[in-house]
N, C-alpha and C. Protein backbone atom coordinates (compact mmCIF):
# COMPACT_ATOMS: atom_id res chain seq x y z
N MET A 1 -20.72 -10.37 -28.90
CA MET A 1 -19.26 -10.22 -28.92
C MET A 1 -18.77 -9.75 -27.56
N ASN A 2 -17.58 -10.24 -27.16
CA ASN A 2 -17.06 -9.85 -25.84
C ASN A 2 -16.43 -8.47 -25.90
N ASN A 3 -16.36 -7.85 -24.76
CA ASN A 3 -15.71 -6.54 -24.63
C ASN A 3 -14.65 -6.63 -23.54
N LEU A 4 -13.76 -7.60 -23.64
CA LEU A 4 -12.73 -7.77 -22.63
C LEU A 4 -11.81 -6.56 -22.62
N LYS A 5 -11.41 -6.15 -21.43
CA LYS A 5 -10.59 -4.94 -21.27
C LYS A 5 -9.10 -5.22 -21.50
N HIS A 6 -8.68 -6.45 -21.32
CA HIS A 6 -7.25 -6.77 -21.35
C HIS A 6 -6.93 -7.70 -22.51
N LYS A 7 -5.65 -7.91 -22.73
CA LYS A 7 -5.21 -8.76 -23.84
C LYS A 7 -4.10 -9.69 -23.37
N ALA A 8 -3.82 -10.69 -24.18
CA ALA A 8 -2.73 -11.60 -23.87
C ALA A 8 -1.44 -10.80 -23.73
N GLY A 9 -0.68 -11.12 -22.70
CA GLY A 9 0.56 -10.40 -22.43
C GLY A 9 0.42 -9.40 -21.29
N ASP A 10 -0.83 -8.98 -20.98
CA ASP A 10 -1.04 -8.05 -19.87
C ASP A 10 -0.85 -8.76 -18.53
N THR A 11 -0.44 -8.00 -17.54
CA THR A 11 -0.39 -8.49 -16.16
C THR A 11 -1.53 -7.83 -15.40
N VAL A 12 -2.30 -8.64 -14.68
CA VAL A 12 -3.45 -8.12 -13.93
C VAL A 12 -3.33 -8.50 -12.46
N VAL A 13 -4.09 -7.79 -11.63
CA VAL A 13 -4.21 -8.10 -10.21
C VAL A 13 -5.58 -8.73 -10.01
N ILE A 14 -5.63 -9.87 -9.36
CA ILE A 14 -6.90 -10.54 -9.10
C ILE A 14 -7.67 -9.76 -8.03
N THR A 15 -8.92 -9.41 -8.35
CA THR A 15 -9.75 -8.60 -7.44
C THR A 15 -10.96 -9.36 -6.90
N GLY A 16 -11.22 -10.54 -7.43
CA GLY A 16 -12.38 -11.30 -6.98
C GLY A 16 -12.32 -12.73 -7.50
N ASN A 17 -13.32 -13.53 -7.11
CA ASN A 17 -13.37 -14.92 -7.54
C ASN A 17 -14.82 -15.37 -7.63
N SER A 18 -15.39 -15.26 -8.83
CA SER A 18 -16.77 -15.71 -9.03
C SER A 18 -16.83 -16.94 -9.93
N ARG A 19 -15.68 -17.39 -10.44
CA ARG A 19 -15.66 -18.52 -11.37
C ARG A 19 -14.90 -19.73 -10.83
N GLY A 20 -14.41 -19.68 -9.62
CA GLY A 20 -13.78 -20.84 -9.00
C GLY A 20 -12.31 -21.04 -9.32
N HIS A 21 -11.59 -19.99 -9.76
CA HIS A 21 -10.16 -20.14 -9.96
C HIS A 21 -9.47 -20.26 -8.60
N GLU A 22 -8.20 -20.58 -8.59
CA GLU A 22 -7.51 -20.77 -7.32
C GLU A 22 -6.50 -19.68 -7.00
N TYR A 23 -6.68 -18.50 -7.63
CA TYR A 23 -5.84 -17.37 -7.27
C TYR A 23 -6.42 -16.69 -6.05
N GLU A 24 -5.55 -16.02 -5.28
CA GLU A 24 -6.01 -15.22 -4.15
C GLU A 24 -6.20 -13.78 -4.61
N VAL A 25 -7.14 -13.08 -3.99
CA VAL A 25 -7.30 -11.66 -4.28
C VAL A 25 -5.98 -10.97 -3.98
N GLY A 26 -5.50 -10.19 -4.94
CA GLY A 26 -4.23 -9.50 -4.80
C GLY A 26 -3.09 -10.16 -5.55
N ASP A 27 -3.28 -11.41 -6.02
CA ASP A 27 -2.23 -12.09 -6.78
C ASP A 27 -2.01 -11.42 -8.13
N LEU A 28 -0.76 -11.39 -8.58
CA LEU A 28 -0.43 -10.90 -9.92
C LEU A 28 -0.46 -12.08 -10.88
N VAL A 29 -1.18 -11.90 -12.00
CA VAL A 29 -1.36 -12.97 -12.96
C VAL A 29 -1.08 -12.45 -14.36
N GLY A 30 -0.31 -13.19 -15.13
CA GLY A 30 -0.05 -12.85 -16.53
C GLY A 30 -1.09 -13.51 -17.42
N ILE A 31 -1.74 -12.74 -18.30
CA ILE A 31 -2.72 -13.30 -19.23
C ILE A 31 -1.95 -13.94 -20.39
N ILE A 32 -2.19 -15.25 -20.60
CA ILE A 32 -1.47 -15.95 -21.66
C ILE A 32 -2.36 -16.25 -22.87
N ASN A 33 -3.70 -16.16 -22.69
CA ASN A 33 -4.60 -16.46 -23.80
C ASN A 33 -6.00 -15.94 -23.48
N ILE A 34 -6.81 -15.81 -24.52
CA ILE A 34 -8.23 -15.48 -24.36
C ILE A 34 -9.02 -16.73 -24.70
N ILE A 35 -9.91 -17.13 -23.80
CA ILE A 35 -10.76 -18.30 -24.02
C ILE A 35 -12.10 -17.82 -24.56
N ASN A 36 -12.61 -18.50 -25.58
CA ASN A 36 -13.90 -18.17 -26.21
C ASN A 36 -13.93 -16.73 -26.71
N GLU A 37 -12.84 -16.29 -27.30
CA GLU A 37 -12.77 -14.92 -27.81
C GLU A 37 -13.91 -14.66 -28.78
N GLY A 38 -14.55 -13.52 -28.65
CA GLY A 38 -15.66 -13.14 -29.51
C GLY A 38 -17.01 -13.61 -29.01
N LEU A 39 -17.02 -14.43 -27.94
CA LEU A 39 -18.29 -14.92 -27.40
C LEU A 39 -18.64 -14.22 -26.10
N VAL A 40 -19.89 -14.38 -25.70
CA VAL A 40 -20.37 -13.72 -24.48
C VAL A 40 -19.62 -14.20 -23.25
N ASP A 41 -19.26 -15.49 -23.22
CA ASP A 41 -18.58 -16.04 -22.04
C ASP A 41 -17.05 -16.00 -22.18
N ALA A 42 -16.54 -15.06 -22.96
CA ALA A 42 -15.09 -14.94 -23.12
C ALA A 42 -14.44 -14.64 -21.77
N ARG A 43 -13.26 -15.20 -21.57
CA ARG A 43 -12.53 -14.97 -20.33
C ARG A 43 -11.04 -15.16 -20.60
N TYR A 44 -10.24 -14.90 -19.58
CA TYR A 44 -8.79 -14.98 -19.73
C TYR A 44 -8.27 -16.30 -19.19
N LEU A 45 -7.16 -16.77 -19.78
CA LEU A 45 -6.39 -17.85 -19.19
C LEU A 45 -5.11 -17.22 -18.70
N GLY A 46 -4.83 -17.39 -17.43
CA GLY A 46 -3.66 -16.74 -16.86
C GLY A 46 -2.76 -17.72 -16.16
N THR A 47 -1.55 -17.25 -15.90
CA THR A 47 -0.60 -18.03 -15.11
C THR A 47 -0.06 -17.15 -14.00
N GLY A 48 -0.15 -17.63 -12.78
CA GLY A 48 0.25 -16.83 -11.63
C GLY A 48 1.74 -16.57 -11.60
N GLN A 49 2.12 -15.36 -11.22
CA GLN A 49 3.53 -15.00 -11.17
C GLN A 49 4.22 -15.55 -9.92
N GLN A 50 3.43 -16.10 -9.00
CA GLN A 50 4.02 -16.73 -7.82
C GLN A 50 3.86 -18.25 -7.90
N GLY A 51 3.72 -18.78 -9.13
CA GLY A 51 3.68 -20.22 -9.34
C GLY A 51 2.37 -20.90 -9.00
N GLN A 52 1.23 -20.18 -9.10
CA GLN A 52 -0.06 -20.77 -8.72
C GLN A 52 -0.70 -21.61 -9.82
N GLY A 53 -0.12 -21.69 -11.01
CA GLY A 53 -0.70 -22.50 -12.08
C GLY A 53 -1.58 -21.68 -13.00
N LYS A 54 -2.24 -22.38 -13.95
CA LYS A 54 -3.07 -21.72 -14.96
C LYS A 54 -4.54 -21.87 -14.60
N TRP A 55 -5.24 -20.73 -14.62
CA TRP A 55 -6.67 -20.73 -14.30
C TRP A 55 -7.38 -19.71 -15.17
N ALA A 56 -8.67 -19.93 -15.39
CA ALA A 56 -9.48 -18.98 -16.18
C ALA A 56 -10.18 -18.02 -15.23
N PHE A 57 -10.31 -16.77 -15.67
CA PHE A 57 -11.00 -15.74 -14.88
C PHE A 57 -11.53 -14.68 -15.83
N GLY A 58 -12.48 -13.88 -15.34
CA GLY A 58 -13.13 -12.88 -16.18
C GLY A 58 -12.74 -11.46 -15.84
N ASP A 59 -13.27 -10.52 -16.65
CA ASP A 59 -13.01 -9.10 -16.44
C ASP A 59 -13.40 -8.62 -15.05
N ASP A 60 -14.49 -9.19 -14.52
CA ASP A 60 -14.99 -8.75 -13.23
C ASP A 60 -14.14 -9.28 -12.07
N GLU A 61 -13.11 -10.07 -12.37
CA GLU A 61 -12.28 -10.66 -11.33
C GLU A 61 -10.85 -10.12 -11.34
N CYS A 62 -10.59 -9.09 -12.15
CA CYS A 62 -9.22 -8.60 -12.25
C CYS A 62 -9.18 -7.12 -12.62
N ALA A 63 -8.02 -6.53 -12.42
CA ALA A 63 -7.75 -5.14 -12.82
C ALA A 63 -6.32 -5.10 -13.36
N LEU A 64 -6.09 -4.21 -14.30
CA LEU A 64 -4.76 -4.10 -14.90
C LEU A 64 -3.73 -3.72 -13.83
N PHE A 65 -2.61 -4.43 -13.81
CA PHE A 65 -1.54 -4.13 -12.87
C PHE A 65 -0.75 -2.93 -13.39
N GLU A 66 -0.60 -1.92 -12.54
CA GLU A 66 0.15 -0.73 -12.89
C GLU A 66 1.33 -0.60 -11.94
N PRO A 67 2.54 -0.98 -12.41
CA PRO A 67 3.69 -0.89 -11.51
C PRO A 67 3.93 0.54 -11.08
N PRO A 68 4.40 0.73 -9.83
CA PRO A 68 4.66 2.10 -9.37
C PRO A 68 5.74 2.75 -10.22
N VAL A 69 5.55 4.04 -10.49
CA VAL A 69 6.51 4.80 -11.29
C VAL A 69 7.47 5.50 -10.35
N SER A 70 8.76 5.34 -10.60
CA SER A 70 9.72 6.04 -9.75
C SER A 70 10.29 7.22 -10.53
N ASN A 71 10.41 8.34 -9.84
CA ASN A 71 10.94 9.55 -10.46
C ASN A 71 12.39 9.68 -10.03
N LYS A 72 13.30 9.12 -10.82
CA LYS A 72 14.71 9.11 -10.45
C LYS A 72 15.41 10.41 -10.78
N THR A 73 14.72 11.31 -11.49
CA THR A 73 15.38 12.55 -11.89
C THR A 73 15.04 13.71 -10.96
N SER A 74 14.30 13.45 -9.90
CA SER A 74 13.90 14.51 -9.00
C SER A 74 15.12 15.14 -8.32
N SER A 75 15.09 16.47 -8.23
CA SER A 75 16.19 17.19 -7.60
C SER A 75 15.87 17.51 -6.14
N GLY A 76 14.66 17.20 -5.72
CA GLY A 76 14.25 17.55 -4.36
C GLY A 76 13.60 18.92 -4.29
N GLY A 77 13.59 19.65 -5.39
CA GLY A 77 12.98 20.98 -5.44
C GLY A 77 11.50 20.88 -5.76
N PRO A 78 10.89 22.00 -6.19
CA PRO A 78 9.46 22.02 -6.51
C PRO A 78 9.13 20.98 -7.59
N SER A 79 7.96 20.36 -7.45
CA SER A 79 7.50 19.37 -8.42
C SER A 79 6.05 19.64 -8.77
N LYS A 80 5.69 19.35 -10.02
CA LYS A 80 4.34 19.65 -10.50
C LYS A 80 3.26 18.84 -9.80
N TYR A 81 3.63 17.65 -9.27
CA TYR A 81 2.59 16.84 -8.63
C TYR A 81 2.06 17.49 -7.35
N TYR A 82 2.73 18.52 -6.84
CA TYR A 82 2.20 19.26 -5.70
C TYR A 82 1.25 20.38 -6.14
N ASP A 83 1.26 20.71 -7.42
CA ASP A 83 0.41 21.78 -7.94
C ASP A 83 -1.00 21.26 -8.14
N GLN A 84 -1.86 21.53 -7.19
CA GLN A 84 -3.24 21.06 -7.25
C GLN A 84 -4.16 22.25 -7.02
N PRO A 85 -5.43 22.13 -7.40
CA PRO A 85 -6.37 23.27 -7.29
C PRO A 85 -6.88 23.48 -5.86
N TYR A 86 -5.97 23.75 -4.93
CA TYR A 86 -6.34 23.90 -3.52
C TYR A 86 -7.42 24.96 -3.32
N ALA A 87 -7.35 26.05 -4.06
CA ALA A 87 -8.29 27.16 -3.86
C ALA A 87 -9.72 26.79 -4.21
N THR A 88 -9.91 25.73 -4.98
CA THR A 88 -11.27 25.34 -5.39
C THR A 88 -11.92 24.38 -4.39
N TRP A 89 -11.17 23.91 -3.42
CA TRP A 89 -11.71 22.94 -2.47
C TRP A 89 -12.26 23.64 -1.24
N VAL A 90 -13.44 23.20 -0.83
CA VAL A 90 -14.05 23.73 0.39
C VAL A 90 -13.82 22.76 1.54
N THR A 91 -13.92 21.47 1.27
CA THR A 91 -13.76 20.45 2.30
C THR A 91 -12.73 19.41 1.87
N THR A 92 -12.37 18.56 2.81
CA THR A 92 -11.48 17.44 2.51
C THR A 92 -12.12 16.52 1.48
N ASN A 93 -13.45 16.40 1.51
CA ASN A 93 -14.14 15.57 0.51
C ASN A 93 -13.87 16.07 -0.90
N ASP A 94 -13.84 17.40 -1.09
CA ASP A 94 -13.52 17.96 -2.41
C ASP A 94 -12.12 17.50 -2.85
N GLN A 95 -11.18 17.55 -1.92
CA GLN A 95 -9.82 17.15 -2.25
C GLN A 95 -9.75 15.66 -2.58
N MET A 96 -10.43 14.82 -1.77
CA MET A 96 -10.40 13.38 -2.03
C MET A 96 -11.05 13.05 -3.37
N GLU A 97 -12.13 13.73 -3.71
CA GLU A 97 -12.78 13.48 -5.00
C GLU A 97 -11.85 13.84 -6.15
N TYR A 98 -11.15 14.95 -6.02
CA TYR A 98 -10.20 15.36 -7.05
C TYR A 98 -9.08 14.33 -7.18
N LEU A 99 -8.51 13.92 -6.05
CA LEU A 99 -7.41 12.97 -6.08
C LEU A 99 -7.86 11.60 -6.61
N ALA A 100 -9.08 11.18 -6.25
CA ALA A 100 -9.60 9.91 -6.73
C ALA A 100 -9.72 9.92 -8.25
N GLU A 101 -10.18 11.03 -8.80
CA GLU A 101 -10.40 11.13 -10.24
C GLU A 101 -9.11 11.38 -11.01
N ASN A 102 -8.17 12.13 -10.44
CA ASN A 102 -7.01 12.57 -11.19
C ASN A 102 -5.68 11.90 -10.81
N LYS A 103 -5.65 11.19 -9.69
CA LYS A 103 -4.37 10.62 -9.25
C LYS A 103 -4.50 9.18 -8.74
N TRP A 104 -5.42 8.95 -7.83
CA TRP A 104 -5.47 7.67 -7.13
C TRP A 104 -5.99 6.52 -7.99
N GLY A 105 -6.95 6.79 -8.87
CA GLY A 105 -7.52 5.73 -9.70
C GLY A 105 -8.14 4.63 -8.87
N LYS A 106 -7.83 3.38 -9.25
CA LYS A 106 -8.45 2.22 -8.58
C LYS A 106 -8.05 2.10 -7.12
N TYR A 107 -6.95 2.76 -6.72
CA TYR A 107 -6.52 2.69 -5.32
C TYR A 107 -7.33 3.61 -4.41
N ALA A 108 -8.19 4.42 -5.00
CA ALA A 108 -8.98 5.39 -4.22
C ALA A 108 -9.83 4.72 -3.16
N ILE A 109 -10.28 3.49 -3.43
CA ILE A 109 -11.13 2.80 -2.48
C ILE A 109 -10.46 2.67 -1.11
N HIS A 110 -9.14 2.57 -1.08
CA HIS A 110 -8.41 2.45 0.19
C HIS A 110 -7.70 3.75 0.56
N LEU A 111 -7.20 4.49 -0.42
CA LEU A 111 -6.47 5.73 -0.10
C LEU A 111 -7.37 6.76 0.57
N LYS A 112 -8.66 6.75 0.24
CA LYS A 112 -9.58 7.69 0.90
C LYS A 112 -9.63 7.44 2.40
N ASP A 113 -9.57 6.16 2.81
CA ASP A 113 -9.62 5.84 4.24
C ASP A 113 -8.33 6.24 4.95
N ILE A 114 -7.20 6.12 4.24
CA ILE A 114 -5.93 6.60 4.80
C ILE A 114 -6.00 8.11 4.98
N PHE A 115 -6.49 8.79 3.96
CA PHE A 115 -6.59 10.25 3.98
C PHE A 115 -7.51 10.72 5.10
N LYS A 116 -8.65 10.03 5.26
CA LYS A 116 -9.58 10.39 6.33
C LYS A 116 -8.95 10.21 7.70
N GLY A 117 -8.20 9.12 7.87
CA GLY A 117 -7.52 8.88 9.14
C GLY A 117 -6.51 9.97 9.46
N LEU A 118 -5.76 10.41 8.42
CA LEU A 118 -4.79 11.48 8.61
C LEU A 118 -5.46 12.80 8.98
N CYS A 119 -6.58 13.10 8.32
CA CYS A 119 -7.28 14.36 8.59
C CYS A 119 -7.96 14.35 9.95
N ARG A 120 -8.55 13.21 10.30
CA ARG A 120 -9.30 13.10 11.55
C ARG A 120 -8.36 13.01 12.74
N TRP A 121 -7.35 12.19 12.67
CA TRP A 121 -6.30 11.96 13.67
C TRP A 121 -6.78 12.04 15.11
N GLY A 122 -7.71 11.16 15.46
CA GLY A 122 -8.18 11.05 16.83
C GLY A 122 -9.28 12.03 17.22
N ASP A 123 -9.70 12.91 16.30
CA ASP A 123 -10.71 13.91 16.65
C ASP A 123 -12.14 13.38 16.59
N LYS A 124 -12.38 12.30 15.89
CA LYS A 124 -13.72 11.75 15.78
C LYS A 124 -14.13 11.15 17.12
N GLU A 125 -15.34 11.44 17.55
CA GLU A 125 -15.81 10.96 18.84
C GLU A 125 -15.75 9.43 18.88
N GLY A 126 -15.17 8.90 19.93
CA GLY A 126 -15.07 7.45 20.10
C GLY A 126 -13.83 6.84 19.46
N THR A 127 -12.98 7.66 18.85
CA THR A 127 -11.76 7.13 18.27
C THR A 127 -10.55 7.75 18.95
N THR A 128 -9.40 7.15 18.71
CA THR A 128 -8.14 7.63 19.28
C THR A 128 -7.10 7.72 18.16
N VAL A 129 -5.96 8.31 18.46
CA VAL A 129 -4.89 8.34 17.46
C VAL A 129 -4.39 6.91 17.20
N GLU A 130 -4.46 6.04 18.20
CA GLU A 130 -4.08 4.64 17.96
C GLU A 130 -5.03 4.00 16.95
N TYR A 131 -6.32 4.26 17.10
CA TYR A 131 -7.32 3.74 16.15
C TYR A 131 -7.00 4.23 14.73
N ASP A 132 -6.74 5.53 14.60
CA ASP A 132 -6.46 6.06 13.26
C ASP A 132 -5.13 5.55 12.72
N SER A 133 -4.14 5.36 13.58
CA SER A 133 -2.86 4.78 13.14
C SER A 133 -3.07 3.38 12.58
N ARG A 134 -3.85 2.58 13.30
CA ARG A 134 -4.12 1.21 12.84
C ARG A 134 -4.90 1.21 11.53
N LYS A 135 -5.83 2.14 11.41
CA LYS A 135 -6.63 2.23 10.18
C LYS A 135 -5.74 2.60 9.00
N ILE A 136 -4.82 3.54 9.20
CA ILE A 136 -3.90 3.96 8.14
C ILE A 136 -3.01 2.79 7.72
N ILE A 137 -2.49 2.04 8.69
CA ILE A 137 -1.64 0.89 8.38
C ILE A 137 -2.43 -0.18 7.64
N TYR A 138 -3.66 -0.46 8.11
CA TYR A 138 -4.48 -1.49 7.48
C TYR A 138 -4.74 -1.16 6.01
N TYR A 139 -5.21 0.06 5.76
CA TYR A 139 -5.54 0.40 4.37
C TYR A 139 -4.29 0.58 3.52
N GLY A 140 -3.17 0.95 4.14
CA GLY A 140 -1.90 0.95 3.41
C GLY A 140 -1.55 -0.46 2.95
N CYS A 141 -1.80 -1.44 3.82
CA CYS A 141 -1.56 -2.83 3.45
C CYS A 141 -2.47 -3.26 2.31
N ARG A 142 -3.72 -2.80 2.34
CA ARG A 142 -4.65 -3.16 1.24
C ARG A 142 -4.15 -2.60 -0.09
N VAL A 143 -3.65 -1.36 -0.08
CA VAL A 143 -3.12 -0.77 -1.31
C VAL A 143 -1.90 -1.56 -1.79
N LEU A 144 -0.97 -1.84 -0.88
CA LEU A 144 0.23 -2.58 -1.26
C LEU A 144 -0.12 -3.95 -1.80
N LYS A 145 -1.13 -4.59 -1.23
CA LYS A 145 -1.58 -5.90 -1.71
C LYS A 145 -2.08 -5.80 -3.14
N MET A 146 -2.78 -4.72 -3.47
CA MET A 146 -3.24 -4.52 -4.85
C MET A 146 -2.05 -4.38 -5.81
N ILE A 147 -0.97 -3.80 -5.32
CA ILE A 147 0.19 -3.51 -6.17
C ILE A 147 1.10 -4.72 -6.32
N VAL A 148 1.41 -5.39 -5.22
CA VAL A 148 2.42 -6.47 -5.26
C VAL A 148 1.83 -7.85 -4.99
N GLY A 149 0.56 -7.95 -4.73
CA GLY A 149 -0.06 -9.25 -4.46
C GLY A 149 0.07 -9.66 -3.00
N THR A 150 -0.66 -10.71 -2.65
CA THR A 150 -0.68 -11.18 -1.26
C THR A 150 0.71 -11.60 -0.79
N ARG A 151 1.41 -12.37 -1.62
CA ARG A 151 2.72 -12.86 -1.21
C ARG A 151 3.70 -11.70 -1.02
N GLY A 152 3.67 -10.72 -1.94
CA GLY A 152 4.55 -9.56 -1.83
C GLY A 152 4.27 -8.77 -0.56
N LEU A 153 2.99 -8.62 -0.21
CA LEU A 153 2.62 -7.91 1.02
C LEU A 153 3.14 -8.66 2.23
N ARG A 154 2.93 -9.97 2.26
CA ARG A 154 3.37 -10.76 3.42
C ARG A 154 4.89 -10.70 3.58
N GLU A 155 5.61 -10.73 2.45
CA GLU A 155 7.07 -10.63 2.51
C GLU A 155 7.50 -9.27 3.09
N TYR A 156 6.81 -8.20 2.67
CA TYR A 156 7.15 -6.87 3.19
C TYR A 156 6.85 -6.77 4.68
N LEU A 157 5.69 -7.28 5.10
CA LEU A 157 5.35 -7.24 6.53
C LEU A 157 6.36 -8.03 7.35
N GLN A 158 6.82 -9.16 6.81
CA GLN A 158 7.83 -9.93 7.52
C GLN A 158 9.14 -9.17 7.62
N GLU A 159 9.51 -8.45 6.54
CA GLU A 159 10.71 -7.61 6.58
C GLU A 159 10.60 -6.59 7.71
N LEU A 160 9.42 -5.99 7.85
CA LEU A 160 9.22 -5.01 8.93
C LEU A 160 9.37 -5.67 10.29
N LEU A 161 8.74 -6.83 10.46
CA LEU A 161 8.82 -7.53 11.75
C LEU A 161 10.25 -7.91 12.08
N ASP A 162 11.03 -8.24 11.06
CA ASP A 162 12.42 -8.64 11.28
C ASP A 162 13.36 -7.45 11.47
N ASP A 163 12.88 -6.24 11.15
CA ASP A 163 13.73 -5.05 11.26
C ASP A 163 14.04 -4.77 12.73
N GLU A 164 15.27 -4.38 12.99
CA GLU A 164 15.75 -4.12 14.35
C GLU A 164 14.86 -3.17 15.14
N GLN A 165 14.30 -2.16 14.46
CA GLN A 165 13.51 -1.17 15.20
C GLN A 165 12.17 -1.70 15.69
N PHE A 166 11.75 -2.89 15.21
CA PHE A 166 10.49 -3.48 15.65
C PHE A 166 10.70 -4.77 16.44
N GLN A 167 11.85 -4.89 17.09
CA GLN A 167 12.19 -6.12 17.79
C GLN A 167 11.74 -6.15 19.24
N GLY A 168 10.97 -5.22 19.68
CA GLY A 168 10.48 -5.28 21.06
C GLY A 168 10.70 -3.99 21.80
N GLU A 169 10.28 -3.99 23.04
CA GLU A 169 10.36 -2.81 23.88
C GLU A 169 11.78 -2.62 24.41
N PRO A 170 12.16 -1.36 24.67
CA PRO A 170 13.47 -1.10 25.29
C PRO A 170 13.55 -1.79 26.65
N VAL A 171 14.74 -2.29 26.98
CA VAL A 171 14.90 -2.98 28.26
C VAL A 171 15.68 -2.17 29.28
N VAL A 172 16.41 -1.14 28.85
CA VAL A 172 17.22 -0.34 29.76
C VAL A 172 17.13 1.12 29.34
N SER A 173 17.10 2.02 30.29
CA SER A 173 17.21 3.44 30.00
C SER A 173 18.37 4.00 30.80
N ALA A 174 19.08 4.96 30.22
CA ALA A 174 20.22 5.58 30.90
C ALA A 174 20.23 7.05 30.57
N PRO A 175 20.82 7.88 31.45
CA PRO A 175 20.88 9.31 31.16
C PRO A 175 21.64 9.58 29.87
N LEU A 176 21.25 10.63 29.18
CA LEU A 176 21.92 11.03 27.95
C LEU A 176 23.32 11.53 28.23
N PHE A 177 23.55 12.10 29.43
CA PHE A 177 24.85 12.64 29.80
C PHE A 177 25.40 11.85 30.99
N ASP A 178 26.73 11.78 31.07
CA ASP A 178 27.32 11.07 32.20
C ASP A 178 27.33 11.96 33.45
N GLN A 179 27.95 11.49 34.53
CA GLN A 179 27.91 12.20 35.81
C GLN A 179 28.58 13.57 35.75
N ARG A 180 29.54 13.78 34.86
CA ARG A 180 30.21 15.07 34.75
C ARG A 180 29.46 16.04 33.84
N GLY A 181 28.30 15.59 33.29
CA GLY A 181 27.56 16.44 32.37
C GLY A 181 28.05 16.33 30.94
N GLU A 182 28.93 15.33 30.68
CA GLU A 182 29.46 15.10 29.34
C GLU A 182 28.56 14.13 28.59
N TRP A 183 28.54 14.28 27.28
CA TRP A 183 27.79 13.33 26.44
C TRP A 183 28.35 11.93 26.64
N ASP A 184 27.47 10.94 26.82
CA ASP A 184 27.90 9.56 27.05
C ASP A 184 28.15 8.87 25.71
N TYR A 185 29.44 8.70 25.35
CA TYR A 185 29.81 8.09 24.08
C TYR A 185 30.08 6.59 24.20
N ARG A 186 29.92 6.02 25.36
CA ARG A 186 30.33 4.62 25.57
C ARG A 186 29.53 3.63 24.74
N THR A 187 28.26 3.92 24.53
CA THR A 187 27.43 3.02 23.74
C THR A 187 26.63 3.84 22.74
N LYS A 188 26.24 3.20 21.69
CA LYS A 188 25.47 3.89 20.65
C LYS A 188 23.99 3.76 20.97
N PRO A 189 23.28 4.85 21.14
CA PRO A 189 21.85 4.76 21.45
C PRO A 189 21.05 4.30 20.24
N LYS A 190 19.96 3.59 20.51
CA LYS A 190 19.03 3.21 19.45
C LYS A 190 17.95 4.27 19.30
N GLU A 191 17.65 4.95 20.38
CA GLU A 191 16.60 5.96 20.34
C GLU A 191 16.88 6.97 21.44
N ILE A 192 16.63 8.25 21.16
CA ILE A 192 16.82 9.27 22.17
C ILE A 192 15.48 9.95 22.41
N THR A 193 14.97 9.87 23.64
CA THR A 193 13.71 10.51 23.99
C THR A 193 13.82 11.11 25.38
N ASN A 194 13.27 12.28 25.57
CA ASN A 194 13.24 12.93 26.88
C ASN A 194 14.60 12.93 27.56
N ASP A 195 15.62 13.32 26.80
CA ASP A 195 16.98 13.39 27.33
C ASP A 195 17.50 12.07 27.89
N CYS A 196 17.02 10.95 27.35
CA CYS A 196 17.51 9.64 27.78
C CYS A 196 17.91 8.84 26.55
N ILE A 197 18.90 7.97 26.75
CA ILE A 197 19.26 7.01 25.71
C ILE A 197 18.50 5.73 25.99
N ARG A 198 17.85 5.21 24.98
CA ARG A 198 17.09 3.97 25.16
C ARG A 198 17.85 2.86 24.44
N TYR A 199 18.22 1.82 25.19
CA TYR A 199 18.95 0.69 24.64
C TYR A 199 17.98 -0.47 24.39
N TYR A 200 18.32 -1.30 23.42
CA TYR A 200 17.44 -2.43 23.08
C TYR A 200 18.17 -3.74 23.30
């Protein structure tokens, strides 16, 4: 008898491909039926949420999709999710193990690398803060891909690339104050650094 973890109606994230389906890892797929239910070779029939068609896949090729939960009632004050057993941890590894077991779940495989990059922040021999920044971004993308699928990740990355703040290097710099020592209100700065207005 099969021991399938999911049922018809569930939405899953594709995590692998050992049976030759045409979904990409990270795609969101709705399970529409169980094939060979009750047999050893039982598997799911799914339909891709981005129009990829119907394909069969097994338990070892998917994980249940868990949409992010938004807390719309937060007041900005103290919240219970910050209450963790800090006093019981000796190392960052203790904290990551706790978070993996109690909060991160299946995303722990990538969140641990983000966490390590934040803790290390250029201190590891042979690495730089640029290296750790890139590592954090990369594994953040892996997590987002698990949540929204490949297409959703690519759309988000394109949104970032199209955002005004990522449109290239500044081309002009000007003093923050005019010749009389007054604030220069003539143009709106995009960025202020080292007492200069940076225009794009």
